[in-house]
Amino acid sequence: MTKLQVRAFLYQLGCFAILFIGFRYLVARFTPLTDFWIPLTAFVVGTILSPKFQAAKTKDGEKLFMSWIFLKGIREIG
């Protein structure tokens, strides 16, 4: 794995973790769900709403790209 692939993995993991923990708290606090439904619901919502990062080789070298449901198109990350 290259340095940018590792960075993309860590960004994706971090974003998912933040969303998962936040939604797990919100689901547990404000819904009547119990047991394994709380983390399952938080997992699904976190997976859908989390941005996707990917390292790709271009003619200018390897670059990091991000795609997110709330942004139109694919963005290049510095």
PDB file of N, CA and C in Angstrom:
ATOM      1  N   MET A   1       0.836  -1.182   0.000  1.00  0.00           N
ATOM      2  CA  MET A   1       0.000   0.000   0.000  1.00  0.00           C
ATOM      3  C   MET A   1       0.881   1.245   0.000  1.00  0.00           C
ATOM      4  N   THR A   2       0.459   2.206  -0.765  1.00  0.00           N
ATOM      5  CA  THR A   2       1.205   3.456  -0.815  1.00  0.00           C
ATOM      6  C   THR A   2       0.770   4.383   0.316  1.00  0.00           C
ATOM      7  N   LYS A   3       1.511   5.452   0.463  1.00  0.00           N
ATOM      8  CA  LYS A   3       1.228   6.423   1.526  1.00  0.00           C
ATOM      9  C   LYS A   3      -0.172   7.025   1.367  1.00  0.00           C
ATOM     10  N   LEU A   4      -0.571   7.341   0.142  1.00  0.00           N
ATOM     11  CA  LEU A   4      -1.900   7.931  -0.077  1.00  0.00           C
ATOM     12  C   LEU A   4      -3.016   6.917   0.137  1.00  0.00           C
ATOM     13  N   GLN A   5      -2.778   5.651  -0.155  1.00  0.00           N
ATOM     14  CA  GLN A   5      -3.789   4.637   0.109  1.00  0.00           C
ATOM     15  C   GLN A   5      -4.015   4.473   1.610  1.00  0.00           C
ATOM     16  N   VAL A   6      -2.948   4.533   2.370  1.00  0.00           N
ATOM     17  CA  VAL A   6      -3.067   4.460   3.826  1.00  0.00           C
ATOM     18  C   VAL A   6      -3.801   5.684   4.345  1.00  0.00           C
ATOM     19  N   ARG A   7      -3.464   6.856   3.818  1.00  0.00           N
ATOM     20  CA  ARG A   7      -4.135   8.088   4.235  1.00  0.00           C
ATOM     21  C   ARG A   7      -5.630   8.034   3.906  1.00  0.00           C
ATOM     22  N   ALA A   8      -5.983   7.525   2.730  1.00  0.00           N
ATOM     23  CA  ALA A   8      -7.391   7.397   2.348  1.00  0.00           C
ATOM     24  C   ALA A   8      -8.116   6.453   3.296  1.00  0.00           C
ATOM     25  N   PHE A   9      -7.475   5.348   3.641  1.00  0.00           N
ATOM     26  CA  PHE A   9      -8.079   4.395   4.582  1.00  0.00           C
ATOM     27  C   PHE A   9      -8.302   5.035   5.947  1.00  0.00           C
ATOM     28  N   LEU A  10      -7.311   5.765   6.436  1.00  0.00           N
ATOM     29  CA  LEU A  10      -7.438   6.402   7.748  1.00  0.00           C
ATOM     30  C   LEU A  10      -8.492   7.507   7.752  1.00  0.00           C
ATOM     31  N   TYR A  11      -8.566   8.283   6.679  1.00  0.00           N
ATOM     32  CA  TYR A  11      -9.620   9.303   6.576  1.00  0.00           C
ATOM     33  C   TYR A  11     -10.995   8.658   6.586  1.00  0.00           C
ATOM     34  N   GLN A  12     -11.157   7.604   5.809  1.00  0.00           N
ATOM     35  CA  GLN A  12     -12.448   6.935   5.725  1.00  0.00           C
ATOM     36  C   GLN A  12     -12.822   6.309   7.071  1.00  0.00           C
ATOM     37  N   LEU A  13     -11.861   5.679   7.718  1.00  0.00           N
ATOM     38  CA  LEU A  13     -12.103   5.081   9.027  1.00  0.00           C
ATOM     39  C   LEU A  13     -12.461   6.141  10.062  1.00  0.00           C
ATOM     40  N   GLY A  14     -11.732   7.244  10.062  1.00  0.00           N
ATOM     41  CA  GLY A  14     -12.006   8.316  11.021  1.00  0.00           C
ATOM     42  C   GLY A  14     -13.378   8.935  10.835  1.00  0.00           C
ATOM     43  N   CYS A  15     -13.744   9.216   9.584  1.00  0.00           N
ATOM     44  CA  CYS A  15     -15.062   9.802   9.310  1.00  0.00           C
ATOM     45  C   CYS A  15     -16.174   8.846   9.712  1.00  0.00           C
ATOM     46  N   PHE A  16     -16.000   7.564   9.383  1.00  0.00           N
ATOM     47  CA  PHE A  16     -17.019   6.589   9.754  1.00  0.00           C
ATOM     48  C   PHE A  16     -17.127   6.479  11.274  1.00  0.00           C
ATOM     49  N   ALA A  17     -15.997   6.450  11.967  1.00  0.00           N
ATOM     50  CA  ALA A  17     -16.019   6.313  13.425  1.00  0.00           C
ATOM     51  C   ALA A  17     -16.738   7.484  14.084  1.00  0.00           C
ATOM     52  N   ILE A  18     -16.460   8.686  13.616  1.00  0.00           N
ATOM     53  CA  ILE A  18     -17.123   9.869  14.180  1.00  0.00           C
ATOM     54  C   ILE A  18     -18.632   9.795  13.960  1.00  0.00           C
ATOM     55  N   LEU A  19     -19.036   9.454  12.742  1.00  0.00           N
ATOM     56  CA  LEU A  19     -20.473   9.356  12.458  1.00  0.00           C
ATOM     57  C   LEU A  19     -21.119   8.200  13.218  1.00  0.00           C
ATOM     58  N   PHE A  20     -20.441   7.062  13.304  1.00  0.00           N
ATOM     59  CA  PHE A  20     -20.991   5.908  14.004  1.00  0.00           C
ATOM     60  C   PHE A  20     -21.219   6.218  15.480  1.00  0.00           C
ATOM     61  N   ILE A  21     -20.226   6.802  16.130  1.00  0.00           N
ATOM     62  CA  ILE A  21     -20.358   7.114  17.555  1.00  0.00           C
ATOM     63  C   ILE A  21     -21.456   8.149  17.779  1.00  0.00           C
ATOM     64  N   GLY A  22     -21.498   9.162  16.931  1.00  0.00           N
ATOM     65  CA  GLY A  22     -22.544  10.178  17.064  1.00  0.00           C
ATOM     66  C   GLY A  22     -23.943   9.614  16.861  1.00  0.00           C
ATOM     67  N   PHE A  23     -24.126   8.838  15.821  1.00  0.00           N
ATOM     68  CA  PHE A  23     -25.446   8.283  15.573  1.00  0.00           C
ATOM     69  C   PHE A  23     -25.816   7.195  16.579  1.00  0.00           C
ATOM     70  N   ARG A  24     -24.822   6.489  17.097  1.00  0.00           N
ATOM     71  CA  ARG A  24     -25.125   5.488  18.126  1.00  0.00           C
ATOM     72  C   ARG A  24     -25.688   6.178  19.365  1.00  0.00           C
ATOM     73  N   TYR A  25     -25.090   7.291  19.733  1.00  0.00           N
ATOM     74  CA  TYR A  25     -25.594   8.058  20.875  1.00  0.00           C
ATOM     75  C   TYR A  25     -27.002   8.588  20.593  1.00  0.00           C
ATOM     76  N   LEU A  26     -27.204   9.172  19.407  1.00  0.00           N
ATOM     77  CA  LEU A  26     -28.508   9.744  19.077  1.00  0.00           C
ATOM     78  C   LEU A  26     -29.599   8.676  19.014  1.00  0.00           C
ATOM     79  N   VAL A  27     -29.286   7.538  18.434  1.00  0.00           N
ATOM     80  CA  VAL A  27     -30.277   6.454  18.335  1.00  0.00           C
ATOM     81  C   VAL A  27     -30.606   5.917  19.720  1.00  0.00           C
ATOM     82  N   ALA A  28     -29.613   5.731  20.555  1.00  0.00           N
ATOM     83  CA  ALA A  28     -29.849   5.219  21.904  1.00  0.00           C
ATOM     84  C   ALA A  28     -30.643   6.209  22.742  1.00  0.00           C
ATOM     85  N   ARG A  29     -30.380   7.486  22.532  1.00  0.00           N
ATOM     86  CA  ARG A  29     -31.016   8.517  23.363  1.00  0.00           C
ATOM     87  C   ARG A  29     -32.441   8.846  22.928  1.00  0.00           C
ATOM     88  N   PHE A  30     -32.697   8.891  21.608  1.00  0.00           N
ATOM     89  CA  PHE A  30     -33.955   9.439  21.129  1.00  0.00           C
ATOM     90  C   PHE A  30     -34.880   8.450  20.424  1.00  0.00           C
ATOM     91  N   THR A  31     -34.537   7.176  20.394  1.00  0.00           N
ATOM     92  CA  THR A  31     -35.426   6.183  19.788  1.00  0.00           C
ATOM     93  C   THR A  31     -35.686   5.064  20.786  1.00  0.00           C
ATOM     94  N   PRO A  32     -36.756   4.327  20.585  1.00  0.00           N
ATOM     95  CA  PRO A  32     -37.060   3.222  21.501  1.00  0.00           C
ATOM     96  C   PRO A  32     -36.327   1.917  21.149  1.00  0.00           C
ATOM     97  N   LEU A  33     -35.348   1.967  20.260  1.00  0.00           N
ATOM     98  CA  LEU A  33     -34.630   0.754  19.871  1.00  0.00           C
ATOM     99  C   LEU A  33     -33.783   0.230  21.034  1.00  0.00           C
ATOM    100  N   THR A  34     -33.611  -1.104  21.080  1.00  0.00           N
ATOM    101  CA  THR A  34     -32.825  -1.726  22.140  1.00  0.00           C
ATOM    102  C   THR A  34     -31.885  -2.759  21.549  1.00  0.00           C
ATOM    103  N   ASP A  35     -31.037  -3.302  22.411  1.00  0.00           N
ATOM    104  CA  ASP A  35     -30.116  -4.399  22.098  1.00  0.00           C
ATOM    105  C   ASP A  35     -29.245  -4.096  20.884  1.00  0.00           C
ATOM    106  N   PHE A  36     -29.159  -5.055  19.951  1.00  0.00           N
ATOM    107  CA  PHE A  36     -28.250  -4.909  18.810  1.00  0.00           C
ATOM    108  C   PHE A  36     -28.798  -3.984  17.734  1.00  0.00           C
ATOM    109  N   TRP A  37     -30.032  -3.517  17.843  1.00  0.00           N
ATOM    110  CA  TRP A  37     -30.601  -2.608  16.844  1.00  0.00           C
ATOM    111  C   TRP A  37     -29.951  -1.228  16.900  1.00  0.00           C
ATOM    112  N   ILE A  38     -29.470  -0.832  18.059  1.00  0.00           N
ATOM    113  CA  ILE A  38     -28.833   0.477  18.196  1.00  0.00           C
ATOM    114  C   ILE A  38     -27.541   0.545  17.372  1.00  0.00           C
ATOM    115  N   PRO A  39     -26.574  -0.352  17.587  1.00  0.00           N
ATOM    116  CA  PRO A  39     -25.360  -0.262  16.769  1.00  0.00           C
ATOM    117  C   PRO A  39     -25.596  -0.619  15.303  1.00  0.00           C
ATOM    118  N   LEU A  40     -26.554  -1.492  15.022  1.00  0.00           N
ATOM    119  CA  LEU A  40     -26.850  -1.840  13.631  1.00  0.00           C
ATOM    120  C   LEU A  40     -27.383  -0.622  12.878  1.00  0.00           C
ATOM    121  N   THR A  41     -28.294   0.109  13.491  1.00  0.00           N
ATOM    122  CA  THR A  41     -28.836   1.311  12.869  1.00  0.00           C
ATOM    123  C   THR A  41     -27.741   2.368  12.695  1.00  0.00           C
ATOM    124  N   ALA A  42     -26.915   2.548  13.707  1.00  0.00           N
ATOM    125  CA  ALA A  42     -25.816   3.518  13.619  1.00  0.00           C
ATOM    126  C   ALA A  42     -24.822   3.109  12.536  1.00  0.00           C
ATOM    127  N   PHE A  43     -24.563   1.816  12.378  1.00  0.00           N
ATOM    128  CA  PHE A  43     -23.657   1.326  11.342  1.00  0.00           C
ATOM    129  C   PHE A  43     -24.195   1.642   9.951  1.00  0.00           C
ATOM    130  N   VAL A  44     -25.460   1.364   9.722  1.00  0.00           N
ATOM    131  CA  VAL A  44     -26.063   1.606   8.403  1.00  0.00           C
ATOM    132  C   VAL A  44     -26.058   3.097   8.079  1.00  0.00           C
ATOM    133  N   VAL A  45     -26.480   3.921   9.010  1.00  0.00           N
ATOM    134  CA  VAL A  45     -26.515   5.365   8.778  1.00  0.00           C
ATOM    135  C   VAL A  45     -25.100   5.913   8.585  1.00  0.00           C
ATOM    136  N   GLY A  46     -24.154   5.465   9.405  1.00  0.00           N
ATOM    137  CA  GLY A  46     -22.776   5.903   9.270  1.00  0.00           C
ATOM    138  C   GLY A  46     -22.158   5.493   7.945  1.00  0.00           C
ATOM    139  N   THR A  47     -22.470   4.300   7.478  1.00  0.00           N
ATOM    140  CA  THR A  47     -21.949   3.822   6.199  1.00  0.00           C
ATOM    141  C   THR A  47     -22.505   4.637   5.037  1.00  0.00           C
ATOM    142  N   ILE A  48     -23.771   4.962   5.086  1.00  0.00           N
ATOM    143  CA  ILE A  48     -24.400   5.714   3.999  1.00  0.00           C
ATOM    144  C   ILE A  48     -23.907   7.169   3.976  1.00  0.00           C
ATOM    145  N   LEU A  49     -23.786   7.791   5.130  1.00  0.00           N
ATOM    146  CA  LEU A  49     -23.462   9.213   5.189  1.00  0.00           C
ATOM    147  C   LEU A  49     -21.969   9.533   5.205  1.00  0.00           C
ATOM    148  N   SER A  50     -21.133   8.543   5.403  1.00  0.00           N
ATOM    149  CA  SER A  50     -19.690   8.777   5.469  1.00  0.00           C
ATOM    150  C   SER A  50     -19.106   9.062   4.089  1.00  0.00           C
ATOM    151  N   PRO A  51     -18.185  10.026   3.983  1.00  0.00           N
ATOM    152  CA  PRO A  51     -17.545  10.280   2.691  1.00  0.00           C
ATOM    153  C   PRO A  51     -16.621   9.125   2.308  1.00  0.00           C
ATOM    154  N   LYS A  52     -16.451   8.941   1.011  1.00  0.00           N
ATOM    155  CA  LYS A  52     -15.599   7.873   0.488  1.00  0.00           C
ATOM    156  C   LYS A  52     -14.308   8.486  -0.040  1.00  0.00           C
ATOM    157  N   PHE A  53     -13.174   7.952   0.384  1.00  0.00           N
ATOM    158  CA  PHE A  53     -11.858   8.426  -0.036  1.00  0.00           C
ATOM    159  C   PHE A  53     -11.184   7.345  -0.867  1.00  0.00           C
ATOM    160  N   GLN A  54     -10.416   7.778  -1.879  1.00  0.00           N
ATOM    161  CA  GLN A  54      -9.715   6.826  -2.721  1.00  0.00           C
ATOM    162  C   GLN A  54      -8.458   7.470  -3.298  1.00  0.00           C
ATOM    163  N   ALA A  55      -7.363   6.703  -3.312  1.00  0.00           N
ATOM    164  CA  ALA A  55      -6.122   7.136  -3.941  1.00  0.00           C
ATOM    165  C   ALA A  55      -6.101   6.556  -5.349  1.00  0.00           C
ATOM    166  N   ALA A  56      -5.826   7.394  -6.336  1.00  0.00           N
ATOM    167  CA  ALA A  56      -5.812   6.943  -7.733  1.00  0.00           C
ATOM    168  C   ALA A  56      -4.571   7.486  -8.426  1.00  0.00           C
ATOM    169  N   LYS A  57      -4.063   6.680  -9.344  1.00  0.00           N
ATOM    170  CA  LYS A  57      -2.909   7.108 -10.136  1.00  0.00           C
ATOM    171  C   LYS A  57      -3.403   7.881 -11.345  1.00  0.00           C
ATOM    172  N   THR A  58      -2.866   9.070 -11.532  1.00  0.00           N
ATOM    173  CA  THR A  58      -3.199   9.910 -12.674  1.00  0.00           C
ATOM    174  C   THR A  58      -1.924  10.181 -13.465  1.00  0.00           C
ATOM    175  N   LYS A  59      -2.074  10.926 -14.546  1.00  0.00           N
ATOM    176  CA  LYS A  59      -0.881  11.250 -15.344  1.00  0.00           C
ATOM    177  C   LYS A  59       0.080  12.167 -14.588  1.00  0.00           C
ATOM    178  N   ASP A  60      -0.435  12.879 -13.583  1.00  0.00           N
ATOM    179  CA  ASP A  60       0.388  13.770 -12.761  1.00  0.00           C
ATOM    180  C   ASP A  60       0.943  13.078 -11.521  1.00  0.00           C
ATOM    181  N   GLY A  61       0.679  11.793 -11.369  1.00  0.00           N
ATOM    182  CA  GLY A  61       1.107  11.053 -10.187  1.00  0.00           C
ATOM    183  C   GLY A  61      -0.101  10.584  -9.396  1.00  0.00           C
ATOM    184  N   GLU A  62       0.143  10.062  -8.214  1.00  0.00           N
ATOM    185  CA  GLU A  62      -0.953   9.557  -7.393  1.00  0.00           C
ATOM    186  C   GLU A  62      -1.615  10.708  -6.637  1.00  0.00           C
ATOM    187  N   LYS A  63      -2.960  10.694  -6.632  1.00  0.00           N
ATOM    188  CA  LYS A  63      -3.714  11.754  -5.961  1.00  0.00           C
ATOM    189  C   LYS A  63      -4.810  11.137  -5.114  1.00  0.00           C
ATOM    190  N   LEU A  64      -5.281  11.919  -4.144  1.00  0.00           N
ATOM    191  CA  LEU A  64      -6.328  11.486  -3.230  1.00  0.00           C
ATOM    192  C   LEU A  64      -7.637  12.176  -3.605  1.00  0.00           C
ATOM    193  N   PHE A  65      -8.711  11.392  -3.743  1.00  0.00           N
ATOM    194  CA  PHE A  65     -10.014  11.917  -4.136  1.00  0.00           C
ATOM    195  C   PHE A  65     -11.060  11.567  -3.087  1.00  0.00           C
ATOM    196  N   MET A  66     -12.096  12.422  -3.014  1.00  0.00           N
ATOM    197  CA  MET A  66     -13.183  12.214  -2.074  1.00  0.00           C
ATOM    198  C   MET A  66     -14.519  12.363  -2.789  1.00  0.00           C
ATOM    199  N   SER A  67     -15.443  11.491  -2.442  1.00  0.00           N
ATOM    200  CA  SER A  67     -16.814  11.563  -2.933  1.00  0.00           C
ATOM    201  C   SER A  67     -17.732  11.516  -1.720  1.00  0.00           C
ATOM    202  N   TRP A  68     -18.749  12.392  -1.726  1.00  0.00           N
ATOM    203  CA  TRP A  68     -19.661  12.444  -0.591  1.00  0.00           C
ATOM    204  C   TRP A  68     -21.061  12.703  -1.102  1.00  0.00           C
ATOM    205  N   ILE A  69     -22.037  12.155  -0.411  1.00  0.00           N
ATOM    206  CA  ILE A  69     -23.431  12.270  -0.829  1.00  0.00           C
ATOM    207  C   ILE A  69     -23.903  13.728  -0.807  1.00  0.00           C
ATOM    208  N   PHE A  70     -23.299  14.571   0.037  1.00  0.00           N
ATOM    209  CA  PHE A  70     -23.720  15.961   0.161  1.00  0.00           C
ATOM    210  C   PHE A  70     -22.985  16.914  -0.776  1.00  0.00           C
ATOM    211  N   LEU A  71     -21.979  16.411  -1.486  1.00  0.00           N
ATOM    212  CA  LEU A  71     -21.236  17.231  -2.433  1.00  0.00           C
ATOM    213  C   LEU A  71     -21.427  16.680  -3.838  1.00  0.00           C
ATOM    214  N   LYS A  72     -21.522  17.566  -4.794  1.00  0.00           N
ATOM    215  CA  LYS A  72     -21.726  17.160  -6.170  1.00  0.00           C
ATOM    216  C   LYS A  72     -20.368  16.804  -6.800  1.00  0.00           C
ATOM    217  N   GLY A  73     -20.263  15.629  -7.367  1.00  0.00           N
ATOM    218  CA  GLY A  73     -19.047  15.232  -8.052  1.00  0.00           C
ATOM    219  C   GLY A  73     -17.978  14.702  -7.133  1.00  0.00           C
ATOM    220  N   ILE A  74     -16.788  14.573  -7.686  1.00  0.00           N
ATOM    221  CA  ILE A  74     -15.629  14.047  -6.974  1.00  0.00           C
ATOM    222  C   ILE A  74     -14.651  15.191  -6.746  1.00  0.00           C
ATOM    223  N   ARG A  75     -14.115  15.291  -5.539  1.00  0.00           N
ATOM    224  CA  ARG A  75     -13.192  16.370  -5.197  1.00  0.00           C
ATOM    225  C   ARG A  75     -11.791  15.814  -4.980  1.00  0.00           C
ATOM    226  N   GLU A  76     -10.800  16.584  -5.427  1.00  0.00           N
ATOM    227  CA  GLU A  76      -9.411  16.218  -5.164  1.00  0.00           C
ATOM    228  C   GLU A  76      -9.020  16.801  -3.810  1.00  0.00           C
ATOM    229  N   ILE A  77      -8.416  15.983  -2.983  1.00  0.00           N
ATOM    230  CA  ILE A  77      -7.977  16.413  -1.669  1.00  0.00           C
ATOM    231  C   ILE A  77      -6.502  16.783  -1.765  1.00  0.00           C
ATOM    232  N   GLY A  78      -6.163  17.976  -1.284  1.00  0.00           N
ATOM    233  CA  GLY A  78      -4.831  18.532  -1.316  1.00  0.00           C
ATOM    234  C   GLY A  78      -3.760  17.547  -1.240  1.00  0.00           C
TER     235      GLY A  78
END
